[in-house]
Amino acid sequence: QLRLVESGGGLVQPGGSLRLSCAASGFTLDYYAIGWFRQAPGKEREGVSCINTSGGSTNYADSVKGRFTISRDNARNTVYLQMYSLKPEDTAVYYCAAKRIAGWCSSNSVSFYNYWGQGTQVTVSS
């Protein structure tokens, strides 16, 4: 059974940092593009970042450019989202998603991805 499990969320003060992890089980992430999305209460799910299979291509939403970094460790079957300089508006449930495709990824299309994790809560508040 293919599963994605996010972890690393929590409560952090503005300006703080968190690193989210997206671990795969039941399949190898080597052949999958990965996207990170987030959804705040009352809002639609929005794209945050994505990374292609090799890690050589990444994309970021304008709202997180320069503050978030996506990376992957295929040996650990895990993708990371390092978040710095967090703001209250980053508060949301963060999801990772996967699609078996080579070469590119989508950082803003929910329908592009086939598999989704259950999400991890990130709360930025003083």
Foldseek 3Di string as FASTA:
>chain_A
DWAWAKDWADEAAQQAKIKIKIAIPPDFCLQKKKWKWWDDPPDDIWFAKIAFNVRPDMDGDPVQPPFWDWGDDRVRRMIMIIGGRDDQVVWTWMKMFIDRHHDDDDRGDPVRGDHIHPTDTHGYHD
